[in-house]
């Protein structure tokens, strides 16, 4: 498979991104880099706090909670991130828009 370059959107202040816009940006970057994303369409019937996004590119599995730059974690999210972070076999992250260039793209490469 040919290597593709991830193009970042025009530079803007990380605080301007909504969670939805940020989620779309992460999913686009992940797909470009060969990851298969899974994001539940409607989590109303799911247990509270489970991470927003699963990314799969064997042999790796990433679970990521995405927050706007100033978004606060709920107690249930803190619980799941802590619990999952102590497990082996996959990676768990809390990502914010300011992390896109410095961390997220590095992890996905």
N, C-alpha and C. Protein backbone atom coordinates (compact mmCIF):
# COMPACT_ATOMS: atom_id res chain seq x y z
N UNK A 1 0.84 -1.17 0.00
CA UNK A 1 0.00 0.00 0.00
C UNK A 1 0.89 1.24 0.00
N UNK A 2 0.65 2.19 -0.91
CA UNK A 2 1.49 3.39 -0.94
C UNK A 2 1.28 4.24 0.30
N UNK A 3 2.34 4.89 0.69
CA UNK A 3 2.28 5.76 1.86
C UNK A 3 1.58 7.06 1.48
N UNK A 4 0.66 7.51 2.34
CA UNK A 4 -0.06 8.75 2.09
C UNK A 4 0.33 9.78 3.13
N UNK A 5 0.26 11.03 2.76
CA UNK A 5 0.57 12.13 3.66
C UNK A 5 -0.72 12.64 4.28
N UNK A 6 -0.71 12.83 5.60
CA UNK A 6 -1.86 13.39 6.28
C UNK A 6 -1.76 14.90 6.20
N UNK A 7 -2.76 15.51 5.62
CA UNK A 7 -2.80 16.96 5.53
C UNK A 7 -3.65 17.50 6.67
N UNK A 8 -3.07 18.37 7.45
CA UNK A 8 -3.83 18.98 8.54
C UNK A 8 -4.70 20.09 7.99
N UNK A 9 -5.84 20.34 8.63
CA UNK A 9 -6.68 21.45 8.18
C UNK A 9 -5.96 22.77 8.42
N UNK A 10 -6.47 23.85 7.84
CA UNK A 10 -5.81 25.14 8.07
C UNK A 10 -5.60 25.38 9.56
N UNK A 11 -4.46 25.97 9.88
CA UNK A 11 -4.12 26.19 11.28
C UNK A 11 -5.18 27.05 11.95
N UNK A 12 -5.64 26.61 13.08
CA UNK A 12 -6.59 27.37 13.88
C UNK A 12 -6.34 27.07 15.33
N UNK A 13 -6.82 27.92 16.17
CA UNK A 13 -6.65 27.75 17.60
C UNK A 13 -7.36 26.47 18.03
N UNK A 14 -6.66 25.63 18.80
CA UNK A 14 -7.24 24.36 19.25
C UNK A 14 -8.53 24.57 20.01
N UNK A 15 -8.67 25.69 20.69
CA UNK A 15 -9.87 25.97 21.47
C UNK A 15 -11.10 26.15 20.59
N UNK A 16 -10.92 26.37 19.30
CA UNK A 16 -12.04 26.59 18.39
C UNK A 16 -12.74 25.31 17.97
N UNK A 17 -12.09 24.16 18.12
CA UNK A 17 -12.66 22.89 17.68
C UNK A 17 -13.72 22.40 18.65
N UNK A 18 -14.87 22.01 18.12
CA UNK A 18 -15.85 21.29 18.94
C UNK A 18 -15.40 19.84 19.01
N UNK A 19 -15.99 19.08 19.93
CA UNK A 19 -15.65 17.66 20.01
C UNK A 19 -15.99 16.95 18.70
N UNK A 20 -17.11 17.30 18.10
CA UNK A 20 -17.51 16.67 16.84
C UNK A 20 -16.50 16.96 15.73
N UNK A 21 -16.07 18.21 15.60
CA UNK A 21 -15.09 18.57 14.58
C UNK A 21 -13.76 17.84 14.83
N UNK A 22 -13.37 17.77 16.08
CA UNK A 22 -12.14 17.09 16.44
C UNK A 22 -12.24 15.60 16.13
N UNK A 23 -13.35 14.99 16.47
CA UNK A 23 -13.57 13.57 16.17
C UNK A 23 -13.44 13.32 14.67
N UNK A 24 -14.06 14.16 13.86
CA UNK A 24 -13.98 14.01 12.41
C UNK A 24 -12.54 14.13 11.92
N UNK A 25 -11.79 15.05 12.50
CA UNK A 25 -10.39 15.25 12.11
C UNK A 25 -9.56 14.01 12.46
N UNK A 26 -9.76 13.46 13.66
CA UNK A 26 -9.01 12.27 14.07
C UNK A 26 -9.37 11.08 13.19
N UNK A 27 -10.65 10.89 12.92
CA UNK A 27 -11.08 9.78 12.06
C UNK A 27 -10.50 9.91 10.66
N UNK A 28 -10.52 11.11 10.09
CA UNK A 28 -9.94 11.32 8.76
C UNK A 28 -8.45 10.99 8.75
N UNK A 29 -7.72 11.46 9.75
CA UNK A 29 -6.28 11.17 9.83
C UNK A 29 -6.05 9.67 9.99
N UNK A 30 -6.84 9.04 10.84
CA UNK A 30 -6.68 7.60 11.08
C UNK A 30 -6.92 6.81 9.80
N UNK A 31 -7.98 7.11 9.09
CA UNK A 31 -8.26 6.40 7.83
C UNK A 31 -7.14 6.59 6.82
N UNK A 32 -6.63 7.81 6.73
CA UNK A 32 -5.54 8.10 5.81
C UNK A 32 -4.30 7.26 6.14
N UNK A 33 -4.11 6.98 7.42
CA UNK A 33 -2.95 6.22 7.85
C UNK A 33 -3.23 4.72 7.99
N UNK A 34 -4.37 4.27 7.45
CA UNK A 34 -4.65 2.84 7.38
C UNK A 34 -5.36 2.24 8.57
N UNK A 35 -5.94 3.05 9.43
CA UNK A 35 -6.68 2.56 10.60
C UNK A 35 -8.15 2.41 10.25
N UNK A 36 -8.80 1.46 10.89
CA UNK A 36 -10.25 1.28 10.76
C UNK A 36 -10.87 1.86 12.04
N UNK A 37 -11.63 2.95 11.92
CA UNK A 37 -12.23 3.57 13.11
C UNK A 37 -13.61 3.01 13.43
N UNK A 38 -13.93 3.00 14.71
CA UNK A 38 -15.28 2.68 15.15
C UNK A 38 -15.70 3.71 16.19
N UNK A 39 -16.80 4.38 15.92
CA UNK A 39 -17.39 5.34 16.84
C UNK A 39 -18.87 5.05 16.90
N UNK A 40 -19.41 4.77 18.10
CA UNK A 40 -20.85 4.48 18.16
C UNK A 40 -21.66 5.67 17.69
N UNK A 41 -22.66 5.40 16.88
CA UNK A 41 -23.49 6.47 16.34
C UNK A 41 -24.28 7.15 17.45
N UNK A 42 -24.85 6.35 18.34
CA UNK A 42 -25.65 6.88 19.44
C UNK A 42 -25.37 6.04 20.67
N UNK A 43 -24.79 6.65 21.68
CA UNK A 43 -24.38 5.88 22.86
C UNK A 43 -25.40 5.95 23.99
N UNK A 44 -26.62 6.36 23.68
CA UNK A 44 -27.64 6.55 24.70
C UNK A 44 -27.92 5.27 25.50
N UNK A 45 -27.79 4.12 24.87
CA UNK A 45 -28.07 2.86 25.56
C UNK A 45 -26.80 2.15 26.04
N UNK A 46 -25.67 2.81 25.89
CA UNK A 46 -24.39 2.23 26.32
C UNK A 46 -24.05 2.70 27.73
N UNK A 47 -23.16 1.95 28.36
CA UNK A 47 -22.71 2.33 29.69
C UNK A 47 -21.94 3.64 29.62
N UNK A 48 -22.19 4.52 30.53
CA UNK A 48 -21.56 5.84 30.56
C UNK A 48 -20.05 5.74 30.77
N UNK A 49 -19.33 6.57 30.03
CA UNK A 49 -17.90 6.70 30.26
C UNK A 49 -16.99 5.94 29.32
N UNK A 50 -17.53 5.00 28.54
CA UNK A 50 -16.69 4.23 27.62
C UNK A 50 -16.06 5.18 26.60
N UNK A 51 -14.80 4.97 26.21
CA UNK A 51 -14.12 5.88 25.27
C UNK A 51 -14.89 6.08 23.96
N UNK A 52 -14.71 7.26 23.38
CA UNK A 52 -15.42 7.67 22.17
C UNK A 52 -15.06 6.90 20.92
N UNK A 53 -13.81 6.48 20.82
CA UNK A 53 -13.31 6.00 19.55
C UNK A 53 -12.41 4.78 19.72
N UNK A 54 -12.65 3.78 18.86
CA UNK A 54 -11.74 2.64 18.77
C UNK A 54 -11.10 2.70 17.39
N UNK A 55 -9.79 2.49 17.34
CA UNK A 55 -9.04 2.48 16.10
C UNK A 55 -8.29 1.15 16.01
N UNK A 56 -8.45 0.46 14.88
CA UNK A 56 -7.83 -0.85 14.71
C UNK A 56 -6.96 -0.85 13.46
N UNK A 57 -5.74 -1.26 13.64
CA UNK A 57 -4.81 -1.53 12.54
C UNK A 57 -3.89 -2.63 13.08
N UNK A 58 -4.28 -3.90 12.80
CA UNK A 58 -3.53 -5.00 13.39
C UNK A 58 -2.04 -4.85 13.23
N UNK A 59 -1.30 -5.11 14.27
CA UNK A 59 -1.70 -5.77 15.51
C UNK A 59 -2.12 -4.79 16.62
N UNK A 60 -2.39 -3.55 16.28
CA UNK A 60 -2.68 -2.55 17.31
C UNK A 60 -4.17 -2.24 17.43
N UNK A 61 -4.57 -1.93 18.66
CA UNK A 61 -5.91 -1.46 18.98
C UNK A 61 -5.75 -0.26 19.89
N UNK A 62 -6.41 0.84 19.54
CA UNK A 62 -6.38 2.06 20.33
C UNK A 62 -7.80 2.39 20.76
N UNK A 63 -7.97 2.74 22.05
CA UNK A 63 -9.21 3.30 22.55
C UNK A 63 -8.90 4.72 22.96
N UNK A 64 -9.68 5.68 22.46
CA UNK A 64 -9.39 7.08 22.73
C UNK A 64 -10.63 7.83 23.18
N UNK A 65 -10.48 8.59 24.23
CA UNK A 65 -11.50 9.55 24.66
C UNK A 65 -11.10 10.89 24.06
N UNK A 66 -12.03 11.51 23.35
CA UNK A 66 -11.75 12.79 22.72
C UNK A 66 -12.53 13.89 23.43
N UNK A 67 -11.83 14.95 23.75
CA UNK A 67 -12.44 16.09 24.42
C UNK A 67 -12.07 17.37 23.69
N UNK A 68 -12.96 18.36 23.74
CA UNK A 68 -12.59 19.67 23.24
C UNK A 68 -11.46 20.19 24.13
N UNK A 69 -10.85 21.28 23.73
CA UNK A 69 -9.68 21.75 24.46
C UNK A 69 -9.98 22.02 25.93
N UNK A 70 -11.17 22.49 26.22
CA UNK A 70 -11.53 22.81 27.61
C UNK A 70 -12.54 21.83 28.19
N UNK A 71 -12.87 20.78 27.44
CA UNK A 71 -13.86 19.81 27.90
C UNK A 71 -13.39 19.07 29.14
N UNK A 72 -14.32 18.83 30.04
CA UNK A 72 -14.00 18.16 31.31
C UNK A 72 -14.42 16.69 31.26
N UNK A 73 -13.61 15.85 31.86
CA UNK A 73 -13.94 14.43 31.96
C UNK A 73 -14.99 14.23 33.05
N UNK A 74 -15.95 13.36 32.77
CA UNK A 74 -16.92 12.96 33.79
C UNK A 74 -16.29 11.86 34.64
N UNK A 75 -16.81 11.63 35.81
CA UNK A 75 -16.30 10.59 36.71
C UNK A 75 -16.29 9.22 36.02
N UNK A 76 -17.35 8.93 35.27
CA UNK A 76 -17.42 7.63 34.58
C UNK A 76 -16.32 7.50 33.53
N UNK A 77 -15.96 8.60 32.88
CA UNK A 77 -14.88 8.57 31.89
C UNK A 77 -13.53 8.36 32.57
N UNK A 78 -13.33 9.03 33.69
CA UNK A 78 -12.09 8.85 34.46
C UNK A 78 -11.98 7.39 34.90
N UNK A 79 -13.09 6.82 35.36
CA UNK A 79 -13.10 5.41 35.80
C UNK A 79 -12.67 4.48 34.66
N UNK A 80 -13.30 4.62 33.49
CA UNK A 80 -12.99 3.73 32.38
C UNK A 80 -11.57 3.92 31.86
N UNK A 81 -11.12 5.16 31.74
CA UNK A 81 -9.75 5.40 31.27
C UNK A 81 -8.73 4.80 32.22
N UNK A 82 -8.98 4.92 33.52
CA UNK A 82 -8.07 4.34 34.51
C UNK A 82 -8.10 2.81 34.42
N UNK A 83 -9.28 2.23 34.39
CA UNK A 83 -9.42 0.78 34.34
C UNK A 83 -8.79 0.20 33.07
N UNK A 84 -9.11 0.79 31.93
CA UNK A 84 -8.57 0.31 30.66
C UNK A 84 -7.06 0.54 30.56
N UNK A 85 -6.60 1.64 31.12
CA UNK A 85 -5.17 1.96 31.10
C UNK A 85 -4.31 0.96 31.86
N UNK A 86 -4.93 0.19 32.74
CA UNK A 86 -4.19 -0.82 33.50
C UNK A 86 -4.25 -2.19 32.85
N UNK A 87 -4.84 -2.26 31.66
CA UNK A 87 -4.91 -3.52 30.92
C UNK A 87 -3.79 -3.58 29.89
N UNK A 88 -3.47 -4.80 29.47
CA UNK A 88 -2.43 -5.01 28.46
C UNK A 88 -3.07 -5.38 27.13
N UNK A 89 -2.35 -5.12 26.07
CA UNK A 89 -2.78 -5.58 24.76
C UNK A 89 -3.37 -4.50 23.87
N UNK A 90 -3.60 -3.33 24.42
CA UNK A 90 -4.09 -2.22 23.61
C UNK A 90 -3.66 -0.91 24.25
N UNK A 91 -3.87 0.18 23.52
CA UNK A 91 -3.44 1.50 23.97
C UNK A 91 -4.66 2.35 24.31
N UNK A 92 -4.52 3.18 25.35
CA UNK A 92 -5.62 4.04 25.79
C UNK A 92 -5.12 5.47 25.87
N UNK A 93 -5.90 6.39 25.29
CA UNK A 93 -5.48 7.80 25.26
C UNK A 93 -6.64 8.73 25.59
N UNK A 94 -6.30 9.88 26.13
CA UNK A 94 -7.19 11.03 26.22
C UNK A 94 -6.57 12.07 25.31
N UNK A 95 -7.29 12.44 24.26
CA UNK A 95 -6.76 13.38 23.27
C UNK A 95 -7.62 14.64 23.20
N UNK A 96 -6.92 15.75 22.99
CA UNK A 96 -7.55 17.06 22.80
C UNK A 96 -7.00 17.66 21.50
N UNK A 97 -7.69 18.64 20.92
CA UNK A 97 -7.24 19.20 19.64
C UNK A 97 -5.78 19.65 19.62
N UNK A 98 -5.29 20.18 20.71
CA UNK A 98 -3.89 20.65 20.74
C UNK A 98 -2.90 19.50 20.61
N UNK A 99 -3.36 18.26 20.81
CA UNK A 99 -2.50 17.08 20.72
C UNK A 99 -2.33 16.58 19.28
N UNK A 100 -3.08 17.13 18.34
CA UNK A 100 -3.14 16.56 16.99
C UNK A 100 -1.77 16.40 16.35
N UNK A 101 -1.02 17.46 16.25
CA UNK A 101 0.27 17.39 15.54
C UNK A 101 1.36 16.75 16.40
N UNK A 102 1.39 17.07 17.67
CA UNK A 102 2.48 16.61 18.52
C UNK A 102 2.37 15.15 18.93
N UNK A 103 1.16 14.67 19.19
CA UNK A 103 1.02 13.31 19.70
C UNK A 103 0.20 12.40 18.80
N UNK A 104 -1.00 12.82 18.46
CA UNK A 104 -1.93 11.92 17.77
C UNK A 104 -1.36 11.39 16.47
N UNK A 105 -0.87 12.26 15.61
CA UNK A 105 -0.33 11.79 14.34
C UNK A 105 0.89 10.90 14.54
N UNK A 106 1.67 11.16 15.57
CA UNK A 106 2.83 10.30 15.85
C UNK A 106 2.37 8.90 16.27
N UNK A 107 1.35 8.84 17.13
CA UNK A 107 0.82 7.54 17.57
C UNK A 107 0.23 6.77 16.40
N UNK A 108 -0.48 7.46 15.53
CA UNK A 108 -1.15 6.78 14.42
C UNK A 108 -0.19 6.34 13.32
N UNK A 109 0.97 6.94 13.26
CA UNK A 109 1.94 6.54 12.23
C UNK A 109 2.55 5.23 12.64
